[in-house]
Protein backbone atom coordinates (compact mmCIF):
# COMPACT_ATOMS: atom_id res chain seq x y z
CA MET A 1 -17.27 12.06 11.81
CA PRO A 2 -20.67 10.26 12.73
CA SER A 3 -20.01 6.19 12.79
CA ASP A 4 -20.67 4.06 9.82
CA LEU A 5 -23.70 2.90 11.49
CA GLU A 6 -25.12 6.37 12.33
CA ILE A 7 -24.37 7.63 8.66
CA SER A 8 -26.17 4.38 7.45
CA ARG A 9 -29.21 5.38 9.38
CA ALA A 10 -29.39 9.03 8.45
CA THR A 11 -29.23 8.53 5.03
CA PRO A 12 -32.16 9.21 2.74
CA ARG A 13 -32.93 6.03 0.55
CA LYS A 14 -34.79 5.64 -2.50
CA PRO A 15 -37.22 3.02 -2.74
CA LEU A 16 -35.69 0.18 -4.27
CA ALA A 17 -38.32 -0.29 -7.06
CA ASP A 18 -37.19 3.10 -8.34
CA VAL A 19 -33.36 2.18 -8.18
CA ALA A 20 -34.14 -0.87 -10.24
CA VAL A 21 -35.97 1.29 -12.97
CA ASP A 22 -33.04 3.73 -12.96
CA MET A 23 -31.47 0.77 -14.24
CA GLY A 24 -33.81 -0.10 -16.73
CA ILE A 25 -35.26 -3.08 -14.88
CA GLU A 26 -38.80 -3.41 -14.86
CA SER A 27 -41.26 -4.40 -11.71
CA ARG A 28 -41.72 -7.74 -13.16
CA LEU A 29 -37.94 -8.69 -13.05
CA PHE A 30 -37.48 -7.43 -9.57
CA GLU A 31 -38.66 -9.13 -6.39
CA PRO A 32 -38.63 -7.07 -3.58
CA TYR A 33 -37.09 -8.59 0.00
CA GLY A 34 -38.73 -5.98 2.54
CA HIS A 35 -37.52 -2.39 2.31
CA ALA A 36 -33.89 -3.05 2.64
CA ALA A 37 -32.94 -5.21 -0.18
CA GLY A 38 -34.60 -6.85 -3.48
CA LYS A 39 -33.31 -9.71 -6.09
CA ILE A 40 -33.17 -9.67 -10.03
CA ALA A 41 -34.43 -12.21 -11.76
CA LEU A 42 -31.91 -14.44 -13.91
CA GLU A 43 -33.91 -13.48 -17.10
CA ALA A 44 -32.65 -10.03 -17.17
CA ILE A 45 -29.66 -11.40 -18.41
CA ASP A 46 -31.04 -12.67 -21.76
CA GLU A 47 -33.47 -9.58 -22.15
CA PHE A 48 -30.67 -6.93 -21.45
CA ALA A 49 -27.96 -8.80 -24.06
CA ASP A 50 -28.56 -6.19 -26.67
CA ARG A 51 -28.07 -3.37 -24.25
CA PRO A 52 -24.78 -1.00 -24.38
CA ARG A 53 -22.21 -3.11 -22.75
CA ALA A 54 -20.72 -0.61 -19.78
CA LYS A 55 -16.60 -0.28 -19.12
CA TYR A 56 -15.86 -2.85 -16.78
CA VAL A 57 -13.68 -1.70 -13.94
CA VAL A 58 -11.96 -3.96 -11.13
CA VAL A 59 -10.81 -2.53 -7.84
CA THR A 60 -7.71 -4.48 -6.25
CA SER A 61 -4.87 -3.06 -4.19
CA ILE A 62 -1.48 -3.54 -2.68
CA THR A 63 -0.70 -6.46 -0.22
CA PRO A 64 -2.77 -5.47 2.36
CA THR A 65 -2.11 -4.78 6.26
CA PRO A 66 -4.51 -6.66 8.98
CA LEU A 67 -6.52 -3.91 8.95
CA GLY A 68 -7.32 -3.56 5.05
CA GLU A 69 -6.59 -0.57 2.69
CA GLY A 70 -10.22 0.17 1.62
CA LYS A 71 -11.27 -1.72 -1.22
CA THR A 72 -14.82 -2.07 -0.59
CA THR A 73 -14.91 1.81 0.54
CA THR A 74 -12.73 2.77 -3.07
CA THR A 75 -15.33 0.79 -4.75
CA VAL A 76 -18.39 2.37 -3.50
CA GLY A 77 -16.71 5.58 -3.62
CA LEU A 78 -15.71 5.48 -7.56
CA GLY A 79 -19.53 4.16 -8.08
CA GLN A 80 -20.72 7.15 -6.58
CA GLY A 81 -17.84 9.55 -8.05
CA PHE A 82 -18.88 9.01 -11.80
CA GLY A 83 -22.34 10.33 -10.51
CA HIS A 84 -20.58 13.40 -9.94
CA ILE A 85 -18.89 13.44 -13.33
CA GLY A 86 -22.13 12.87 -15.31
CA LYS A 87 -21.73 9.09 -15.69
CA ARG A 88 -24.06 6.30 -14.26
CA GLY A 89 -22.16 3.77 -12.27
CA VAL A 90 -23.17 0.68 -10.72
CA ILE A 91 -21.29 -1.33 -8.47
CA ALA A 92 -21.11 -4.98 -7.30
CA VAL A 93 -19.43 -6.21 -4.34
CA ARG A 94 -19.58 -9.55 -2.25
CA GLN A 95 -21.53 -10.26 0.96
CA ALA A 96 -20.76 -10.04 4.52
CA SER A 97 -19.94 -13.49 6.43
CA MET A 98 -21.00 -12.98 9.79
CA GLY A 99 -17.88 -14.74 11.02
CA PRO A 100 -15.96 -11.75 10.52
CA THR A 101 -18.73 -9.62 11.18
CA PHE A 102 -18.55 -10.94 14.95
CA GLY A 103 -14.80 -11.32 14.62
CA ILE A 104 -12.24 -8.91 14.34
CA LYS A 105 -12.81 -7.65 10.96
CA GLY A 106 -16.19 -6.22 11.25
CA GLY A 107 -18.77 -5.89 8.40
CA ALA A 108 -17.95 -5.57 4.50
CA ALA A 109 -20.16 -2.80 3.13
CA GLY A 110 -17.72 -0.04 3.14
CA GLY A 111 -17.50 2.91 5.20
CA GLY A 112 -18.20 6.60 6.13
CA TYR A 113 -20.22 8.29 3.47
CA ALA A 114 -19.12 5.68 0.91
CA GLN A 115 -21.17 2.49 1.91
CA VAL A 116 -23.71 0.32 0.86
CA VAL A 117 -27.01 0.98 3.12
CA PRO A 118 -28.67 -0.12 5.15
CA MET A 119 -25.67 -1.44 7.08
CA GLU A 120 -27.39 -3.58 9.50
CA ALA A 121 -29.25 -5.59 6.38
CA VAL A 122 -25.68 -6.00 4.37
CA ASN A 123 -23.80 -7.37 7.27
CA LEU A 124 -26.60 -9.25 9.00
CA HIS A 125 -28.22 -12.08 6.91
CA LEU A 126 -29.13 -9.77 3.75
CA THR A 127 -31.69 -12.07 1.85
CA GLY A 128 -30.08 -15.60 3.65
CA ASP A 129 -27.92 -16.57 0.67
CA LEU A 130 -25.40 -17.53 2.87
CA HIS A 131 -27.62 -19.60 4.88
CA ALA A 132 -28.81 -21.52 1.69
CA VAL A 133 -24.94 -21.97 0.80
CA THR A 134 -24.76 -23.61 4.39
CA SER A 135 -27.55 -25.60 4.18
CA ALA A 136 -26.81 -27.06 0.44
CA HIS A 137 -23.33 -27.69 1.83
CA ASN A 138 -24.63 -29.82 5.15
CA LEU A 139 -27.13 -31.44 3.10
CA LEU A 140 -24.60 -32.94 0.85
CA ALA A 141 -22.33 -34.12 4.04
CA ALA A 142 -25.21 -35.96 5.30
CA MET A 143 -25.69 -37.63 2.25
CA VAL A 144 -22.30 -38.86 2.11
CA ASP A 145 -22.37 -39.92 5.42
CA ASN A 146 -25.47 -42.06 5.41
CA HIS A 147 -24.13 -43.50 2.14
CA LEU A 148 -21.47 -44.69 4.11
CA HIS A 149 -24.01 -45.92 6.71
CA LYS A 150 -26.83 -47.60 4.27
CA GLY A 151 -24.20 -50.00 2.66
CA ASN A 152 -21.62 -48.02 0.58
CA GLU A 153 -22.80 -49.06 -2.77
CA LEU A 154 -20.36 -46.59 -4.38
CA ASP A 155 -17.43 -48.12 -2.32
CA ILE A 156 -16.05 -45.05 -0.75
CA ASP A 157 -13.15 -44.87 1.04
CA PRO A 158 -13.99 -43.69 4.37
CA LEU A 159 -10.71 -42.34 4.85
CA ALA A 160 -10.90 -40.56 1.33
CA VAL A 161 -14.07 -38.29 2.14
CA ALA A 162 -12.92 -34.49 0.86
CA TRP A 163 -16.23 -33.14 1.92
CA ARG A 164 -16.00 -31.31 5.45
CA ARG A 165 -19.05 -29.36 6.84
CA VAL A 166 -19.69 -25.37 7.11
CA LEU A 167 -20.96 -23.18 9.51
CA ASP A 168 -21.35 -19.02 9.07
CA VAL A 169 -19.17 -18.59 12.17
CA ASN A 170 -15.58 -18.20 13.70
CA ASP A 171 -15.31 -21.31 15.95
CA ARG A 172 -11.72 -22.87 15.81
CA ASP A 173 -12.88 -25.71 18.01
CA LEU A 174 -15.12 -27.30 14.95
CA ARG A 175 -11.74 -27.28 12.98
CA GLN A 176 -10.89 -30.77 13.37
CA ILE A 177 -13.77 -33.16 14.96
CA VAL A 178 -14.95 -36.74 14.82
CA THR A 179 -18.42 -37.87 14.05
CA GLY A 180 -20.52 -40.77 14.09
CA LEU A 181 -19.55 -41.63 17.76
CA GLY A 182 -22.60 -43.10 19.68
CA GLY A 183 -22.84 -46.49 18.39
CA ARG A 184 -23.84 -48.26 15.07
CA GLN A 185 -27.17 -46.56 14.62
CA ASP A 186 -25.29 -43.03 14.83
CA GLY A 187 -23.34 -43.39 11.90
CA LEU A 188 -19.47 -44.47 10.82
CA PRO A 189 -16.77 -42.66 13.14
CA ARG A 190 -14.39 -40.93 11.10
CA GLN A 191 -12.61 -37.60 11.71
CA THR A 192 -13.75 -34.59 9.41
CA GLY A 193 -14.22 -31.05 10.44
CA PHE A 194 -15.75 -27.68 9.70
CA ASP A 195 -15.13 -24.80 7.31
CA ILE A 196 -16.75 -20.99 7.51
CA THR A 197 -19.22 -20.67 4.82
CA ALA A 198 -17.42 -18.53 2.86
CA ALA A 199 -14.50 -21.28 1.93
CA SER A 200 -17.68 -23.85 0.89
CA GLU A 201 -16.98 -24.87 -2.92
CA VAL A 202 -20.85 -24.33 -2.96
CA MET A 203 -20.13 -20.54 -2.32
CA ALA A 204 -17.72 -20.61 -5.16
CA VAL A 205 -20.28 -22.38 -7.28
CA LEU A 206 -22.70 -19.95 -6.58
CA ALA A 207 -20.60 -17.11 -7.66
CA LEU A 208 -19.29 -18.55 -10.84
CA SER A 209 -22.52 -20.04 -12.05
CA SER A 210 -24.33 -18.05 -15.15
CA SER A 211 -27.79 -19.67 -15.04
CA LEU A 212 -30.00 -22.13 -13.22
CA ALA A 213 -28.77 -24.91 -15.48
CA ASP A 214 -24.98 -23.95 -15.37
CA LEU A 215 -25.55 -24.07 -11.07
CA ARG A 216 -27.11 -27.72 -11.47
CA ALA A 217 -24.26 -28.93 -13.63
CA ARG A 218 -21.31 -27.35 -11.38
CA LEU A 219 -23.13 -28.96 -8.23
CA GLY A 220 -23.19 -32.11 -10.00
CA ARG A 221 -19.42 -32.30 -10.55
CA MET A 222 -18.10 -31.33 -7.24
CA VAL A 223 -16.13 -34.05 -6.27
CA VAL A 224 -16.84 -35.21 -2.38
CA ALA A 225 -14.38 -38.38 -2.13
CA TYR A 226 -13.07 -41.06 -3.47
CA ASP A 227 -13.79 -44.45 -4.05
CA ARG A 228 -11.23 -47.38 -2.97
CA ARG A 229 -9.86 -47.69 -6.68
CA GLY A 230 -9.46 -44.15 -5.88
CA GLU A 231 -11.44 -42.76 -8.74
CA PRO A 232 -13.41 -39.24 -7.77
CA VAL A 233 -17.14 -39.71 -6.24
CA THR A 234 -19.22 -36.69 -7.31
CA ALA A 235 -22.34 -35.34 -6.01
CA GLU A 236 -24.28 -36.41 -9.21
CA ASP A 237 -23.21 -39.77 -7.80
CA LEU A 238 -24.55 -39.29 -4.73
CA ARG A 239 -27.92 -38.08 -6.45
CA ALA A 240 -27.82 -35.14 -4.19
CA ALA A 241 -27.31 -32.35 -6.48
CA GLY A 242 -30.73 -31.77 -7.43
CA ALA A 243 -31.75 -31.22 -4.00
CA MET A 244 -28.88 -28.95 -3.59
CA CYS A 245 -29.73 -26.77 -6.08
CA VAL A 246 -33.43 -26.25 -5.21
CA GLN A 247 -32.25 -24.89 -1.96
CA LEU A 248 -30.14 -22.73 -3.92
CA ARG A 249 -32.65 -21.71 -6.48
CA GLU A 250 -33.77 -17.99 -4.63
CA ALA A 251 -30.12 -17.53 -3.74
CA LEU A 252 -28.58 -17.65 -7.48
CA LYS A 253 -30.43 -14.17 -7.82
CA PRO A 254 -28.29 -11.29 -7.31
CA ASN A 255 -29.20 -8.92 -4.54
CA LEU A 256 -29.70 -5.14 -5.33
CA LEU A 257 -29.43 -2.40 -2.66
CA GLN A 258 -28.31 1.22 -2.71
CA THR A 259 -25.37 3.55 -1.69
CA THR A 260 -25.13 6.33 0.77
CA GLU A 261 -25.92 8.25 -2.77
CA GLN A 262 -28.44 6.17 -4.04
CA THR A 263 -25.84 4.56 -6.51
CA PRO A 264 -27.28 1.10 -7.29
CA ALA A 265 -25.17 -1.76 -5.68
CA LEU A 266 -25.32 -5.69 -6.58
CA VAL A 267 -24.54 -7.31 -3.20
CA HIS A 268 -24.13 -11.01 -4.50
CA CYS A 269 -21.83 -14.11 -3.10
CA GLY A 270 -18.87 -14.02 -0.75
CA PRO A 271 -16.29 -16.50 -1.64
CA PHE A 272 -13.01 -16.88 0.62
CA GLY A 273 -10.30 -14.43 -0.63
CA ASN A 274 -7.53 -16.51 0.13
CA ILE A 275 -8.70 -20.06 -0.74
CA ALA A 276 -11.39 -19.53 -3.25
CA HIS A 277 -11.22 -17.08 -5.98
CA GLY A 278 -12.77 -14.07 -3.70
CA ASN A 279 -14.90 -12.11 -6.14
CA SER A 280 -18.62 -11.80 -6.43
CA SER A 281 -21.24 -13.33 -8.55
CA VAL A 282 -21.00 -13.56 -12.79
CA VAL A 283 -24.75 -13.23 -12.50
CA ALA A 284 -24.64 -9.78 -11.07
CA ASP A 285 -21.93 -8.82 -13.27
CA LEU A 286 -23.93 -9.83 -16.29
CA ILE A 287 -26.46 -7.84 -15.34
CA GLY A 288 -24.86 -4.78 -14.04
CA ILE A 289 -23.01 -4.39 -17.14
CA ARG A 290 -25.75 -4.06 -19.13
CA CYS A 291 -27.47 -1.37 -16.59
CA GLY A 292 -25.16 1.68 -16.55
CA ASP A 293 -21.97 3.43 -18.09
CA TYR A 294 -19.64 2.09 -15.59
CA LEU A 295 -19.51 -1.58 -13.56
CA VAL A 296 -17.19 -1.47 -10.90
CA THR A 297 -16.39 -4.55 -9.20
CA GLU A 298 -13.77 -5.58 -6.06
CA ALA A 299 -11.62 -8.31 -6.18
CA GLY A 300 -10.22 -9.77 -2.66
CA PHE A 301 -7.10 -8.92 -1.13
CA GLY A 302 -3.78 -7.67 -3.44
CA ALA A 303 -3.56 -7.94 -7.04
CA ASP A 304 -1.39 -10.95 -6.69
CA MET A 305 -4.53 -12.76 -5.39
CA GLY A 306 -8.09 -11.14 -5.97
CA ALA A 307 -7.24 -9.66 -9.24
CA GLU A 308 -5.01 -12.43 -10.66
CA ARG A 309 -8.12 -14.72 -10.03
CA PHE A 310 -10.62 -12.16 -11.65
CA PHE A 311 -8.61 -12.10 -14.63
CA ASN A 312 -7.79 -15.55 -14.86
CA ILE A 313 -10.98 -17.43 -13.50
CA LYS A 314 -13.67 -15.48 -13.40
CA CYS A 315 -13.57 -13.39 -16.61
CA ARG A 316 -12.63 -17.03 -18.07
CA THR A 317 -16.31 -18.08 -16.78
CA SER A 318 -18.21 -15.03 -17.50
CA GLY A 319 -16.56 -13.97 -21.08
CA LEU A 320 -16.43 -10.21 -19.83
CA THR A 321 -13.00 -8.42 -20.04
CA PRO A 322 -12.11 -5.30 -18.06
CA ASP A 323 -11.42 -2.08 -19.33
CA ALA A 324 -9.34 -1.08 -16.04
CA ALA A 325 -8.18 -1.55 -12.69
CA VAL A 326 -7.87 0.46 -9.84
CA VAL A 327 -5.15 -0.43 -7.33
CA VAL A 328 -5.87 1.15 -3.71
CA ALA A 329 -2.97 2.33 -1.79
CA THR A 330 -2.80 3.97 1.44
CA VAL A 331 0.23 5.66 3.54
CA ARG A 332 -0.45 3.19 6.32
CA GLY A 333 0.04 0.40 3.86
CA LEU A 334 3.21 1.41 2.11
CA LYS A 335 4.89 2.59 5.53
CA ALA A 336 4.04 -1.05 6.67
CA HIS A 337 5.94 -2.67 3.83
CA THR A 338 9.06 -1.26 4.92
CA GLY A 339 9.13 -3.81 7.39
CA ARG A 340 9.64 -1.51 9.99
CA TYR A 341 6.32 -1.45 11.81
CA ARG A 342 4.01 -3.73 13.14
CA VAL A 343 0.22 -3.67 12.61
CA ILE A 344 -2.02 -5.78 14.22
CA ALA A 345 -5.61 -5.71 13.81
CA GLY A 346 -7.66 -4.14 16.84
CA ARG A 347 -4.56 -2.64 18.44
CA PRO A 348 -3.80 1.38 17.44
CA LEU A 349 -0.99 1.83 14.95
CA PRO A 350 2.76 2.24 16.23
CA GLU A 351 2.84 6.37 17.33
CA GLU A 352 6.18 6.32 15.12
CA MET A 353 4.12 5.21 12.18
CA LEU A 354 1.95 8.25 12.27
CA ALA A 355 4.80 10.91 12.19
CA GLU A 356 5.23 12.47 8.79
CA ASN A 357 7.81 10.50 6.62
CA PRO A 358 7.45 10.67 2.90
CA ASP A 359 10.68 8.46 2.49
CA ASP A 360 8.99 5.56 4.60
CA VAL A 361 6.36 5.70 1.91
CA ARG A 362 8.79 5.53 -0.76
CA ASP A 363 10.76 2.74 0.79
CA GLY A 364 7.44 0.61 1.02
CA ALA A 365 6.30 1.55 -2.49
CA ALA A 366 8.35 -1.53 -3.89
CA ASN A 367 5.04 -3.90 -3.35
CA LEU A 368 2.78 -1.12 -5.00
CA ARG A 369 5.11 -1.20 -8.38
CA LYS A 370 4.85 -5.03 -8.34
CA GLN A 371 1.19 -4.54 -8.01
CA ILE A 372 1.02 -2.10 -10.75
CA ALA A 373 2.78 -4.61 -12.76
CA ASN A 374 0.70 -7.65 -12.22
CA VAL A 375 -2.09 -5.84 -13.71
CA ARG A 376 -0.16 -4.57 -16.61
CA ALA A 377 0.73 -8.34 -16.93
CA HIS A 378 -2.77 -8.77 -18.00
CA GLY A 379 -2.78 -5.82 -20.64
CA VAL A 380 -4.95 -4.13 -18.00
CA THR A 381 -4.58 -0.34 -17.75
CA PRO A 382 -4.05 0.57 -13.80
CA VAL A 383 -5.21 3.76 -11.88
CA VAL A 384 -3.66 4.02 -8.83
CA ALA A 385 -6.48 5.16 -5.90
CA VAL A 386 -4.16 6.96 -2.96
CA ASN A 387 -7.01 6.47 -0.13
CA ALA A 388 -6.36 8.97 2.27
CA PHE A 389 -7.12 9.08 5.74
CA PRO A 390 -7.57 12.02 8.12
CA GLY A 391 -3.76 11.90 9.47
CA ASP A 392 -2.09 11.81 6.30
CA TYR A 393 0.33 14.29 5.58
CA ASP A 394 0.16 15.78 2.09
CA SER A 395 3.72 14.97 1.65
CA GLU A 396 2.96 11.23 2.21
CA LYS A 397 0.30 11.19 -0.33
CA GLN A 398 2.44 13.07 -3.12
CA ALA A 399 5.03 10.38 -2.21
CA ILE A 400 2.52 8.02 -3.82
CA VAL A 401 1.48 9.64 -6.56
CA ASP A 402 4.92 10.14 -7.52
CA VAL A 403 5.26 6.54 -8.03
CA ALA A 404 2.28 5.92 -9.73
CA ALA A 405 3.61 8.45 -12.52
CA GLU A 406 7.12 7.00 -12.43
CA GLU A 407 5.36 3.53 -13.24
CA GLY A 408 3.42 5.45 -15.95
CA ALA A 409 0.40 4.97 -14.24
CA ARG A 410 -2.65 7.56 -13.26
CA ALA A 411 -3.57 8.24 -9.82
CA ALA A 412 -6.11 10.28 -7.75
CA VAL A 413 -6.11 11.06 -4.25
CA THR A 414 -9.54 10.12 -2.87
CA THR A 415 -11.49 11.31 0.19
CA HIS A 416 -14.71 9.23 -0.49
CA ALA A 417 -15.10 8.16 3.21
CA SER A 418 -15.53 11.62 4.64
CA GLN A 419 -16.98 13.37 1.51
CA GLY A 420 -18.64 10.53 -0.58
CA GLY A 421 -18.60 10.46 -4.18
CA LYS A 422 -17.35 13.97 -4.31
CA GLY A 423 -14.31 12.66 -2.85
CA ALA A 424 -13.87 10.13 -5.72
CA ALA A 425 -14.36 12.64 -8.57
CA GLU A 426 -10.87 12.84 -9.77
CA LEU A 427 -10.64 8.93 -9.46
CA ALA A 428 -13.41 8.72 -11.52
CA GLU A 429 -12.17 10.98 -14.38
CA ALA A 430 -8.75 9.01 -14.32
CA VAL A 431 -10.95 6.06 -14.83
CA VAL A 432 -12.88 7.11 -17.93
CA GLU A 433 -9.46 8.28 -19.53
CA ALA A 434 -7.93 4.66 -18.52
CA CYS A 435 -11.10 2.92 -20.08
CA ALA A 436 -10.49 5.09 -23.42
CA GLU A 437 -7.29 3.59 -23.94
CA PRO A 438 -6.95 0.46 -26.18
CA ALA A 439 -7.90 -2.77 -24.49
CA ALA A 440 -5.28 -5.63 -24.98
CA PHE A 441 -6.65 -8.31 -22.21
CA ALA A 442 -5.05 -11.59 -21.95
CA HIS A 443 -5.03 -14.29 -19.50
CA LEU A 444 -1.76 -15.25 -17.53
CA TYR A 445 -1.63 -18.90 -18.99
CA PRO A 446 -3.50 -20.81 -21.50
CA ASP A 447 -6.07 -23.35 -20.71
CA GLY A 448 -3.73 -26.54 -22.19
CA ALA A 449 -0.61 -25.32 -19.98
CA SER A 450 -0.05 -28.04 -17.32
CA LEU A 451 -0.97 -27.89 -13.97
CA THR A 452 2.65 -27.22 -12.94
CA GLU A 453 3.21 -24.79 -15.35
CA LYS A 454 0.19 -22.83 -14.16
CA ILE A 455 1.56 -22.58 -10.71
CA GLU A 456 4.78 -21.81 -11.65
CA THR A 457 3.59 -18.94 -14.09
CA ILE A 458 1.66 -17.36 -11.20
CA ALA A 459 4.65 -18.01 -8.59
CA ARG A 460 7.03 -16.48 -11.16
CA ARG A 461 5.07 -13.54 -12.50
CA MET A 462 2.83 -12.54 -9.87
CA TYR A 463 4.43 -13.10 -6.72
CA GLY A 464 8.18 -12.79 -8.24
CA ALA A 465 9.20 -16.31 -6.71
CA ASP A 466 12.11 -18.01 -8.45
CA GLY A 467 10.47 -21.02 -8.73
CA VAL A 468 7.92 -23.69 -6.75
CA GLU A 469 8.60 -26.46 -4.62
CA LEU A 470 6.26 -29.15 -4.48
CA SER A 471 5.66 -31.59 -1.99
CA ALA A 472 5.91 -35.38 -2.91
CA THR A 473 2.05 -35.18 -1.62
CA ALA A 474 1.37 -32.12 -4.45
CA ARG A 475 2.98 -33.87 -6.99
CA ARG A 476 0.96 -36.94 -6.80
CA GLN A 477 -2.19 -34.97 -6.44
CA LEU A 478 -1.46 -32.84 -9.65
CA ASP A 479 -0.20 -36.09 -11.48
CA ASP A 480 -3.81 -37.76 -9.90
CA TYR A 481 -6.01 -34.61 -11.27
CA GLU A 482 -4.66 -34.61 -14.83
CA ARG A 483 -5.01 -38.34 -15.06
CA HIS A 484 -8.84 -37.76 -14.22
CA GLY A 485 -9.25 -35.18 -16.74
CA PHE A 486 -8.84 -31.94 -14.58
CA GLY A 487 -5.56 -30.47 -16.16
CA GLU A 488 -7.27 -27.83 -18.15
CA LEU A 489 -8.91 -26.11 -15.04
CA PRO A 490 -7.46 -22.91 -13.99
CA VAL A 491 -5.12 -22.22 -10.94
CA CYS A 492 -6.16 -20.58 -7.61
CA VAL A 493 -3.34 -20.54 -5.08
CA ALA A 494 -4.14 -20.69 -1.56
CA LYS A 495 -1.51 -18.51 0.38
CA THR A 496 -1.51 -15.74 2.78
CA HIS A 497 -2.79 -12.55 1.58
CA LEU A 498 -0.36 -10.29 4.02
CA SER A 499 2.78 -10.77 1.21
CA LEU A 500 3.44 -11.35 -1.77
CA SER A 501 5.29 -14.32 -0.75
CA ALA A 502 4.06 -17.15 1.33
CA ASP A 503 5.37 -15.84 4.58
CA PRO A 504 3.36 -13.48 6.10
CA SER A 505 6.04 -11.47 7.77
CA ARG A 506 8.14 -10.52 4.15
CA LYS A 507 6.64 -7.39 3.11
CA GLY A 508 7.69 -5.57 0.02
CA ALA A 509 8.39 -7.29 -2.94
CA PRO A 510 10.20 -10.22 -1.27
CA ALA A 511 12.96 -11.77 -3.80
CA GLY A 512 15.12 -14.86 -4.23
CA TRP A 513 12.89 -17.44 -2.23
CA THR A 514 10.66 -20.10 -3.37
CA LEU A 515 7.08 -20.91 -3.33
CA PRO A 516 6.29 -24.18 -1.17
CA VAL A 517 3.06 -26.19 -2.20
CA ARG A 518 2.20 -28.70 0.68
CA GLU A 519 -0.84 -29.87 -1.07
CA VAL A 520 -3.14 -29.44 -3.81
CA ARG A 521 -7.54 -29.49 -3.53
CA LEU A 522 -9.87 -29.95 -6.16
CA SER A 523 -12.81 -27.88 -6.87
CA ALA A 524 -14.18 -29.81 -9.79
CA GLY A 525 -17.88 -27.60 -9.75
CA ALA A 526 -16.19 -24.11 -9.19
CA GLY A 527 -13.80 -25.29 -12.05
CA PHE A 528 -10.42 -24.68 -10.34
CA ILE A 529 -7.88 -26.73 -8.71
CA TYR A 530 -6.27 -24.44 -5.49
CA PRO A 531 -2.11 -25.30 -4.22
CA ILE A 532 -1.95 -24.62 -0.51
CA CYS A 533 1.10 -22.90 0.52
CA GLY A 534 1.75 -22.26 4.10
CA ASP A 535 -0.44 -22.65 6.85
CA MET A 536 -3.90 -21.82 5.59
CA ARG A 537 -6.90 -22.05 7.62
CA THR A 538 -10.34 -22.60 6.27
CA MET A 539 -12.15 -21.96 9.49
CA PRO A 540 -10.87 -18.85 11.57
CA GLY A 541 -11.16 -18.35 15.11
CA LEU A 542 -12.47 -15.46 17.50
CA SER A 543 -10.10 -13.13 18.97
CA SER A 544 -9.60 -12.27 22.45
CA GLN A 545 -12.07 -9.45 21.86
CA PRO A 546 -14.22 -10.26 19.29
CA ALA A 547 -16.77 -7.44 17.84
CA ALA A 548 -19.50 -9.86 19.03
CA GLU A 549 -18.94 -8.53 22.58
CA HIS A 550 -19.84 -5.12 21.60
CA ILE A 551 -22.88 -5.90 19.26
CA ASP A 552 -26.67 -5.53 21.16
CA ILE A 553 -29.91 -4.26 20.95
CA ASP A 554 -30.79 -0.78 22.48
CA GLU A 555 -34.07 -0.01 24.19
CA ALA A 556 -35.54 1.02 21.11
CA GLY A 557 -34.99 -2.16 19.13
CA GLN A 558 -31.81 -0.81 17.30
CA VAL A 559 -28.57 -2.42 16.57
CA VAL A 560 -25.74 -0.75 18.30
CA GLY A 561 -21.85 -1.72 18.27
CA LEU A 562 -22.25 -2.96 14.54
CA SER A 563 -18.68 -1.68 12.81
């Protein structure tokens, strides 16, 4: 099979203006960005409001291995699969961060014959939205430090500045730094650090905003520091939000691309999936849901994380309600959940893991059963997609189908990576059936519950924990947030994505454990608080052999080595 990059280059592409017309988007609402991508004007949201609403499908997964289980590829494949059964599909996915692209994970455009094209554009800059986020975020950081240097009229406590800087690169040496060294004219020395751009609250704000006015208001609400009385200081207090909004004005417009089968693809925003809510933008969904029969979007990591945040944060914000959820499962993923094998990104799978062993699949299926239950806890019908790899045995794939049947869920084996939409046609049929069932969507907790109650509800119902252990710091922070009027916000638990628990080594569906919360941070502009559990990193590091070592330009000026 050709490489993803070779497939992308060999794929015939339709002029994007024609893709837009297929969606009912007139030329006055479509803004070309070269030949690879275009942006859709936000006026489309109001203009399309009277159109029929597409069925809304979220793609999630079992708790993934470090290799991932193929959610983006399945999202693309399913969108293409609808075309093979006479339905119009539209997909909405997150934008790629260049940190992972040049790190160990690689790109984020799907794979094989189920990917968004052109691959180079998707994974390298695209329309520059992530750079706009970086610029706006760092402008605010500069204005915070400038305010401290120029007299500190707001009486900001220099030890209580919560706003770090960001960069779209994996660089562990920037996690902890000291700024302002050199002398009186070079600023006020203080300890701070960098996060990756995908972890910026500005990115989360961009993804959750429903209009330019909403973006402006959310930026103003972001808390960047506290004064010496312990009161929050916002971007609005610093008079920075207006300039930030100007920098993000074009970035708020969703990007339109296409898949290997010319299915419309909205590629927009990329908030972190284990710190922020890990979903693509609200504005892309508000447009896409009026442009086809089915809108398929993906949520970061497993159903306990990305899908839970999709249901309880994104859907709360957008007002849209899902009709079905696809839970992606793989043979290798469920074998890993037995705890018998160690899967390491960048290394071959253990030889014994590749042997035919359906019993291993069944033994690791507790995780799949729990993720099916997590979807159902929100009143949403689950469909299991068995993302098949060439080395998988029929008996192993059937074992996953059997587990799904035991849980009362539809299932389909998919081969979209090698066959494109044809390989996801059976899955598309199952999703159509699921979407036809009566909907009973409900959030996991009410707005009026206390922040502690919300954390405990997620821990018990989504993760299977016995309870929550709050540190003294976390208790004080929760009390402060409620005192300052943030108690109505939803909760976005930041924990490892490699386990239902807070310990990445615990596989399957762990029982008899307590969720440890060491601190709780506030994203007032995005509109959620996030408890931090375990050792979470907001700035990744590079591996011993990062993908950047293999990416280059050939004699013809073409990118090589992109994965």
